[in-house]
Amino acid sequence: MTKIKEVIAHLEGIAPRAYQESYDNSGLICGNQNEEVKAILVSLDTTEDVVEEAIAQGCNMIISHHPIVFRGLKSLTGRNYIERTVIKAIKNDVAIYAIHTNLDNVKQGVNRKICDKIGLQNPHILLPKTQILNKLTVYVPHAQSEELLQALSNAGAGNIGNYTNCSFQMEGTGTFQPNEEANPSIGEPGKLEKVDEKRIEVIFPAPIAGQVLAAMRKAHPYEEVAYYLHRLENNNQDVGSGMIGTLAQPMSGKTFLAHLKESMALNCIRYTQAPARDIKKVAVCGGAGSFLLPYAIRQQADAFVTADYKYHEFFDAEEKLMIADIGHYESEVYTKELIMELLSRKFVNFAVHLAKTNTNPIFYYK
């Protein structure tokens, strides 16, 4: 038996809600997290039709990329599609969960899916986030240092890019004097003690601070652990906006557009003049990504694939690269496949369905 909260814990272990943008509303929108999961419907959006599809499929949980409730609801009267959708879900005991910009911002998230569809090699985060890494400095007796390091590593600390078990260590002497109420593992109350210790420093993502500190305290031999925790300004190369990678072979502007249309199954592409060179390095951002244009130019991208560009924003390309606006829905529709993959790797005791309802509100007259 799997509960809704277990599904949420799995997804947020991959894309912590702490990584969502400040304006976002990812998480459980409605429903009881302690309910057993019968089946899940995965959709890009949650609409009344999607809830109807979930009911027909026997699903009591919808996982969507876009949150149906983006701003606070002050009433539930059914006066608009948002309220009607939430009411229908609640009436039919269907939980709605959204995993939005937190899934955009992780390296195996929405933008990586776009890179894979286009065939980009060696993709990496275009605009890494800062202030989401912590550094732990802890002092431990020399004899227990390896055990502590292993515990910290098991909790997720010490991973930097493609490297694991990363730490800095320095030897020194620690001093302490237990009082009469202490129960020291080393030394005696009332006597000054000197111990050969190691200073250990490890870096880890801020959202897992609780589990790292818990692991430290469990593995550490001291009754009172001496440690420091600092928030870092460093970029987190694994978390941030957009991605950038390279095509296996350079393409002309027209050839790249044809490749993009086929690989992403597009109806149309709005684009700017290609630069006077082949397309090799490509930046991507699912959804509205115009804010990333300066970073794509800075990293010498030849093309920038995104959505929701406004007329005057297209001028900002200045022929330094090609902007290819493929549409919001079209840029993120494969997020459904991504979420299904994340679920199937973990859970096998309930069905996961991809929504057949097309939630794109935009149509194209051909």
Protein backbone atom coordinates (compact mmCIF):
# COMPACT_ATOMS: atom_id res chain seq x y z
CA MET A 1 0.00 0.00 0.00
CA THR A 2 1.43 3.36 -1.04
CA LYS A 3 0.13 6.61 0.38
CA ILE A 4 -0.05 9.91 -1.46
CA LYS A 5 2.54 11.38 0.88
CA GLU A 6 5.03 8.68 -0.16
CA VAL A 7 4.63 9.63 -3.81
CA ILE A 8 5.13 13.28 -2.90
CA ALA A 9 8.23 12.46 -0.84
CA HIS A 10 9.74 10.59 -3.79
CA LEU A 11 9.12 13.41 -6.25
CA GLU A 12 10.33 16.10 -3.86
CA GLY A 13 13.45 14.07 -3.18
CA ILE A 14 14.23 14.63 -6.86
CA ALA A 15 12.86 18.17 -7.16
CA PRO A 16 12.59 19.72 -3.67
CA ARG A 17 9.89 22.36 -3.30
CA ALA A 18 12.60 24.66 -1.92
CA TYR A 19 13.80 24.95 -5.53
CA GLN A 20 10.55 26.44 -6.83
CA GLU A 21 10.40 30.12 -7.72
CA SER A 22 8.91 32.55 -5.21
CA TYR A 23 5.78 33.14 -7.31
CA ASP A 24 5.01 29.43 -7.69
CA ASN A 25 2.56 27.12 -5.92
CA SER A 26 3.93 23.61 -6.30
CA GLY A 27 2.81 20.91 -3.88
CA LEU A 28 -0.43 19.24 -2.83
CA ILE A 29 -3.25 21.51 -4.00
CA CYS A 30 -6.09 19.44 -2.58
CA GLY A 31 -6.59 15.98 -1.16
CA ASN A 32 -5.57 13.93 1.86
CA GLN A 33 -1.90 12.95 1.80
CA ASN A 34 -2.62 9.93 4.01
CA GLU A 35 -4.94 8.33 1.44
CA GLU A 36 -3.79 5.20 -0.35
CA VAL A 37 -2.90 5.68 -4.01
CA LYS A 38 -5.24 3.71 -6.28
CA ALA A 39 -3.91 5.02 -9.61
CA ILE A 40 -2.32 8.25 -10.88
CA LEU A 41 -3.08 10.38 -13.91
CA VAL A 42 -0.19 12.55 -15.15
CA SER A 43 -1.02 15.73 -17.06
CA LEU A 44 0.60 19.00 -18.02
CA ASP A 45 -2.36 20.96 -16.64
CA THR A 46 -5.32 20.16 -14.40
CA THR A 47 -8.67 21.10 -15.91
CA GLU A 48 -12.24 19.90 -15.46
CA ASP A 49 -11.75 17.49 -18.37
CA VAL A 50 -8.57 16.11 -16.81
CA VAL A 51 -10.42 15.46 -13.54
CA GLU A 52 -13.16 13.70 -15.52
CA GLU A 53 -10.49 11.56 -17.19
CA ALA A 54 -8.97 10.71 -13.81
CA ILE A 55 -12.37 9.60 -12.49
CA ALA A 56 -12.99 7.48 -15.59
CA GLN A 57 -9.57 5.82 -15.21
CA GLY A 58 -10.11 5.11 -11.52
CA CYS A 59 -7.33 7.51 -10.49
CA ASN A 60 -7.52 9.23 -7.12
CA MET A 61 -4.45 11.39 -7.73
CA ILE A 62 -3.52 13.81 -10.51
CA ILE A 63 0.07 14.93 -10.87
CA SER A 64 0.39 17.95 -13.13
CA HIS A 65 3.24 20.24 -14.05
CA HIS A 66 1.25 23.47 -13.81
CA PRO A 67 -0.60 24.18 -10.53
CA ILE A 68 -4.32 24.75 -11.00
CA VAL A 69 -4.27 27.15 -8.02
CA PHE A 70 -1.60 29.74 -8.69
CA ARG A 71 -2.86 32.51 -6.44
CA GLY A 72 -4.90 32.23 -3.28
CA LEU A 73 -8.56 31.26 -3.58
CA LYS A 74 -10.91 33.35 -1.45
CA SER A 75 -14.00 31.36 -2.35
CA LEU A 76 -15.10 28.11 -4.01
CA THR A 77 -18.33 28.97 -5.79
CA GLY A 78 -17.62 27.51 -9.23
CA ARG A 79 -17.53 30.92 -10.91
CA ASN A 80 -14.47 30.06 -13.04
CA TYR A 81 -12.65 26.98 -14.37
CA ILE A 82 -10.16 27.00 -11.49
CA GLU A 83 -12.84 26.82 -8.81
CA ARG A 84 -14.90 24.30 -10.80
CA THR A 85 -11.87 22.05 -11.27
CA VAL A 86 -10.98 22.09 -7.57
CA ILE A 87 -14.62 21.48 -6.54
CA LYS A 88 -14.91 18.52 -8.93
CA ALA A 89 -11.67 17.02 -7.61
CA ILE A 90 -12.72 17.40 -3.96
CA LYS A 91 -16.21 15.98 -4.59
CA ASN A 92 -14.69 12.90 -6.19
CA ASP A 93 -11.82 12.41 -3.73
CA VAL A 94 -9.17 13.13 -6.34
CA ALA A 95 -5.98 14.66 -4.98
CA ILE A 96 -4.19 17.24 -7.14
CA TYR A 97 -0.44 17.66 -6.86
CA ALA A 98 1.71 20.08 -8.91
CA ILE A 99 5.44 19.87 -9.53
CA HIS A 100 6.24 23.04 -11.44
CA THR A 101 9.30 25.30 -11.30
CA ASN A 102 11.08 22.98 -8.87
CA LEU A 103 11.02 20.37 -11.66
CA ASP A 104 12.10 23.06 -14.14
CA ASN A 105 15.11 23.88 -11.99
CA VAL A 106 16.76 20.47 -11.49
CA LYS A 107 19.29 19.03 -13.92
CA GLN A 108 17.19 15.92 -14.67
CA GLY A 109 14.01 17.96 -15.04
CA VAL A 110 11.92 19.62 -17.73
CA ASN A 111 14.76 21.25 -19.62
CA ARG A 112 16.81 18.05 -19.70
CA LYS A 113 13.81 16.36 -21.31
CA ILE A 114 13.81 19.03 -24.03
CA CYS A 115 17.55 18.55 -24.54
CA ASP A 116 17.04 14.80 -24.93
CA LYS A 117 14.21 15.29 -27.44
CA ILE A 118 16.33 17.67 -29.53
CA GLY A 119 19.42 15.49 -29.16
CA LEU A 120 21.71 17.89 -27.32
CA GLN A 121 24.92 16.46 -25.94
CA ASN A 122 26.59 17.32 -22.61
CA PRO A 123 23.74 19.57 -21.41
CA HIS A 124 24.28 21.69 -18.31
CA ILE A 125 22.35 24.35 -16.39
CA LEU A 126 22.28 27.69 -18.20
CA LEU A 127 21.76 29.90 -15.13
CA PRO A 128 22.75 28.09 -11.91
CA LYS A 129 21.14 29.21 -8.68
CA THR A 130 23.07 30.69 -5.75
CA GLN A 131 22.42 30.57 -1.99
CA ILE A 132 21.03 27.04 -2.09
CA LEU A 133 24.19 25.29 -0.93
CA ASN A 134 25.27 24.84 2.69
CA LYS A 135 28.69 24.10 4.09
CA LEU A 136 28.98 22.04 7.26
CA THR A 137 32.12 22.31 9.38
CA VAL A 138 32.32 19.74 12.16
CA TYR A 139 35.02 18.61 14.60
CA VAL A 140 35.36 14.91 15.44
CA PRO A 141 37.94 12.65 17.14
CA HIS A 142 40.41 11.29 14.61
CA ALA A 143 39.37 7.69 15.28
CA GLN A 144 35.72 8.31 14.36
CA SER A 145 36.30 10.64 11.39
CA GLU A 146 35.84 8.04 8.63
CA GLU A 147 32.63 6.75 10.18
CA LEU A 148 31.27 10.28 10.37
CA LEU A 149 32.31 11.06 6.79
CA GLN A 150 30.51 7.96 5.56
CA ALA A 151 27.36 8.89 7.46
CA LEU A 152 27.43 12.40 5.97
CA SER A 153 27.94 10.97 2.49
CA ASN A 154 25.04 8.54 2.93
CA ALA A 155 22.86 11.51 3.91
CA GLY A 156 23.69 13.31 0.65
CA ALA A 157 26.59 15.57 1.65
CA GLY A 158 29.83 15.88 -0.28
CA ASN A 159 28.45 15.66 -3.82
CA ILE A 160 29.85 18.25 -6.23
CA GLY A 161 28.85 17.86 -9.88
CA ASN A 162 30.04 14.45 -11.07
CA TYR A 163 32.06 13.82 -7.89
CA THR A 164 31.03 12.18 -4.64
CA ASN A 165 32.62 11.88 -1.20
CA CYS A 166 34.07 15.39 -1.51
CA SER A 167 35.40 16.87 1.74
CA PHE A 168 38.16 18.95 3.27
CA GLN A 169 39.95 17.67 6.36
CA MET A 170 42.46 19.24 8.69
CA GLU A 171 43.96 17.85 11.91
CA GLY A 172 44.19 19.72 15.20
CA THR A 173 43.57 19.55 18.92
CA GLY A 174 40.17 19.97 20.49
CA THR A 175 39.72 21.00 24.13
CA PHE A 176 36.71 20.82 26.41
CA GLN A 177 35.85 20.51 30.07
CA PRO A 178 32.61 18.71 30.97
CA ASN A 179 30.60 20.05 33.93
CA GLU A 180 29.12 17.84 36.64
CA GLU A 181 25.86 17.31 34.71
CA ALA A 182 27.58 16.16 31.52
CA ASN A 183 27.82 12.56 30.36
CA PRO A 184 30.91 12.70 28.14
CA SER A 185 31.96 9.80 25.93
CA ILE A 186 35.53 11.02 26.34
CA GLY A 187 36.96 12.61 29.49
CA GLU A 188 35.62 13.18 32.99
CA PRO A 189 33.45 15.89 34.55
CA GLY A 190 35.48 18.76 35.93
CA LYS A 191 38.69 17.90 34.05
CA LEU A 192 40.08 19.64 30.97
CA GLU A 193 40.37 17.19 28.09
CA LYS A 194 42.53 17.42 24.97
CA VAL A 195 41.64 15.25 21.95
CA ASP A 196 43.27 14.76 18.56
CA GLU A 197 40.49 15.83 16.22
CA LYS A 198 39.78 16.38 12.55
CA ARG A 199 38.03 19.43 11.15
CA ILE A 200 35.75 18.16 8.37
CA GLU A 201 34.03 20.37 5.81
CA VAL A 202 31.37 19.16 3.36
CA ILE A 203 28.95 20.89 1.00
CA PHE A 204 25.34 19.87 0.36
CA PRO A 205 22.06 21.29 -0.97
CA ALA A 206 20.25 23.40 1.62
CA PRO A 207 16.95 21.43 1.42
CA ILE A 208 18.62 18.32 2.89
CA ALA A 209 20.16 20.14 5.86
CA GLY A 210 17.85 18.37 8.30
CA GLN A 211 18.85 14.88 7.23
CA VAL A 212 22.55 15.75 7.06
CA LEU A 213 22.56 17.21 10.59
CA ALA A 214 20.57 14.23 11.89
CA ALA A 215 23.12 11.85 10.37
CA MET A 216 25.96 13.90 11.87
CA ARG A 217 24.49 13.76 15.36
CA LYS A 218 23.77 10.04 15.13
CA ALA A 219 27.29 9.13 13.97
CA HIS A 220 29.18 11.60 16.16
CA PRO A 221 30.54 10.22 19.47
CA TYR A 222 30.20 13.48 21.42
CA GLU A 223 27.25 14.40 23.61
CA GLU A 224 27.55 18.00 22.35
CA VAL A 225 28.70 18.29 18.73
CA ALA A 226 30.80 21.32 17.77
CA TYR A 227 29.81 22.37 14.25
CA TYR A 228 29.10 25.37 12.03
CA LEU A 229 26.56 25.64 9.22
CA HIS A 230 26.96 28.33 6.55
CA ARG A 231 24.85 29.33 3.55
CA LEU A 232 27.10 29.71 0.49
CA GLU A 233 26.98 32.16 -2.39
CA ASN A 234 28.45 29.52 -4.71
CA ASN A 235 26.55 28.49 -7.82
CA ASN A 236 24.85 25.11 -7.58
CA GLN A 237 25.66 23.61 -10.97
CA ASP A 238 22.86 21.06 -10.58
CA VAL A 239 20.03 23.54 -9.95
CA GLY A 240 18.90 26.54 -11.98
CA SER A 241 17.10 27.88 -15.03
CA GLY A 242 17.39 26.58 -18.57
CA MET A 243 20.01 24.29 -20.06
CA ILE A 244 22.58 24.49 -22.84
CA GLY A 245 24.20 21.76 -24.89
CA THR A 246 25.54 20.96 -28.34
CA LEU A 247 24.15 19.20 -31.39
CA ALA A 248 25.99 16.11 -32.60
CA GLN A 249 26.54 17.87 -35.95
CA PRO A 250 26.28 21.56 -36.89
CA MET A 251 23.18 22.51 -38.88
CA SER A 252 22.15 25.44 -40.99
CA GLY A 253 19.40 27.61 -39.55
CA LYS A 254 16.70 26.12 -41.81
CA THR A 255 17.88 22.56 -41.17
CA PHE A 256 17.83 23.14 -37.43
CA LEU A 257 14.28 24.50 -37.58
CA ALA A 258 13.17 21.42 -39.51
CA HIS A 259 14.92 19.19 -36.98
CA LEU A 260 13.30 21.08 -34.12
CA LYS A 261 9.85 20.83 -35.68
CA GLU A 262 10.17 17.08 -36.19
CA SER A 263 11.79 16.18 -32.85
CA MET A 264 9.31 18.22 -30.80
CA ALA A 265 6.26 17.45 -33.03
CA LEU A 266 5.51 21.13 -33.58
CA ASN A 267 2.77 22.81 -35.60
CA CYS A 268 4.77 25.99 -36.05
CA ILE A 269 7.82 27.90 -34.86
CA ARG A 270 8.19 31.65 -34.46
CA TYR A 271 11.84 32.51 -34.96
CA THR A 272 14.33 35.27 -35.62
CA GLN A 273 17.01 35.52 -38.29
CA ALA A 274 19.72 32.91 -37.77
CA PRO A 275 23.26 34.16 -37.20
CA ALA A 276 25.76 33.97 -40.07
CA ARG A 277 27.05 30.60 -38.87
CA ASP A 278 25.78 27.06 -38.40
CA ILE A 279 23.74 26.10 -35.36
CA LYS A 280 25.85 24.00 -32.97
CA LYS A 281 25.34 25.20 -29.39
CA VAL A 282 21.69 25.40 -28.31
CA ALA A 283 20.11 26.83 -25.15
CA VAL A 284 16.64 25.73 -24.05
CA CYS A 285 14.02 26.74 -21.49
CA GLY A 286 10.60 25.18 -21.16
CA GLY A 287 7.82 27.74 -20.89
CA ALA A 288 8.48 31.48 -20.73
CA GLY A 289 12.25 31.88 -20.99
CA SER A 290 12.97 35.34 -22.39
CA PHE A 291 14.74 36.30 -19.14
CA LEU A 292 17.49 33.83 -20.06
CA LEU A 293 18.41 35.40 -23.40
CA PRO A 294 21.43 37.38 -22.04
CA TYR A 295 22.83 34.19 -20.50
CA ALA A 296 22.36 32.23 -23.72
CA ILE A 297 24.22 34.97 -25.61
CA ARG A 298 26.93 35.11 -22.95
CA GLN A 299 27.54 31.38 -23.35
CA GLN A 300 27.70 31.83 -27.13
CA ALA A 301 24.61 29.82 -27.98
CA ASP A 302 23.72 29.75 -31.66
CA ALA A 303 20.02 29.19 -30.96
CA PHE A 304 17.66 29.60 -28.01
CA VAL A 305 14.58 27.37 -27.88
CA THR A 306 11.83 28.58 -25.53
CA ALA A 307 8.28 30.01 -25.54
CA ASP A 308 6.03 32.99 -24.84
CA TYR A 309 8.17 35.60 -26.56
CA LYS A 310 6.59 39.03 -27.04
CA TYR A 311 6.97 40.97 -30.28
CA HIS A 312 9.50 43.52 -29.06
CA GLU A 313 11.53 40.89 -27.19
CA PHE A 314 12.46 39.22 -30.49
CA PHE A 315 14.54 42.31 -31.40
CA ASP A 316 16.82 41.55 -28.45
CA ALA A 317 18.40 38.67 -30.37
CA GLU A 318 20.22 41.26 -32.57
CA GLU A 319 21.27 38.37 -34.84
CA LYS A 320 23.66 37.11 -32.14
CA LEU A 321 21.60 33.93 -32.07
CA MET A 322 18.33 32.56 -33.35
CA ILE A 323 15.32 32.70 -31.02
CA ALA A 324 12.95 29.81 -31.67
CA ASP A 325 9.60 30.20 -29.90
CA ILE A 326 7.91 26.80 -30.08
CA GLY A 327 4.92 27.51 -27.80
CA HIS A 328 4.42 27.04 -24.06
CA TYR A 329 2.42 23.82 -24.23
CA GLU A 330 4.67 22.38 -26.93
CA SER A 331 7.84 23.09 -24.96
CA GLU A 332 6.59 21.34 -21.83
CA VAL A 333 4.19 18.64 -23.01
CA TYR A 334 6.87 15.94 -22.67
CA THR A 335 7.03 16.72 -18.97
CA LYS A 336 4.23 14.16 -18.68
CA GLU A 337 6.62 11.47 -19.88
CA LEU A 338 9.29 12.70 -17.48
CA ILE A 339 7.00 12.50 -14.46
CA MET A 340 5.83 9.03 -15.50
CA GLU A 341 9.46 7.90 -15.76
CA LEU A 342 10.22 9.25 -12.29
CA LEU A 343 7.26 7.38 -10.84
CA SER A 344 7.85 4.09 -12.65
CA ARG A 345 11.40 3.83 -11.32
CA LYS A 346 10.07 3.77 -7.77
CA PHE A 347 6.51 2.40 -7.70
CA VAL A 348 5.10 -0.77 -9.26
CA ASN A 349 2.01 -1.40 -7.13
CA PHE A 350 -0.36 1.04 -8.86
CA ALA A 351 -1.07 2.17 -12.41
CA VAL A 352 0.23 5.45 -13.81
CA HIS A 353 -1.60 6.85 -16.85
CA LEU A 354 -0.60 9.64 -19.21
CA ALA A 355 -3.54 11.99 -19.68
CA LYS A 356 -5.04 11.86 -23.16
CA THR A 357 -6.81 15.19 -22.66
CA ASN A 358 -5.12 17.91 -24.70
CA THR A 359 -4.99 20.91 -22.35
CA ASN A 360 -3.44 23.31 -24.84
CA PRO A 361 -5.78 26.35 -24.98
CA ILE A 362 -4.19 27.50 -28.26
CA PHE A 363 -5.22 26.17 -31.68
CA TYR A 364 -3.52 26.68 -35.05
CA TYR A 365 -5.43 27.37 -38.24
CA LYS A 366 -3.66 25.60 -41.10
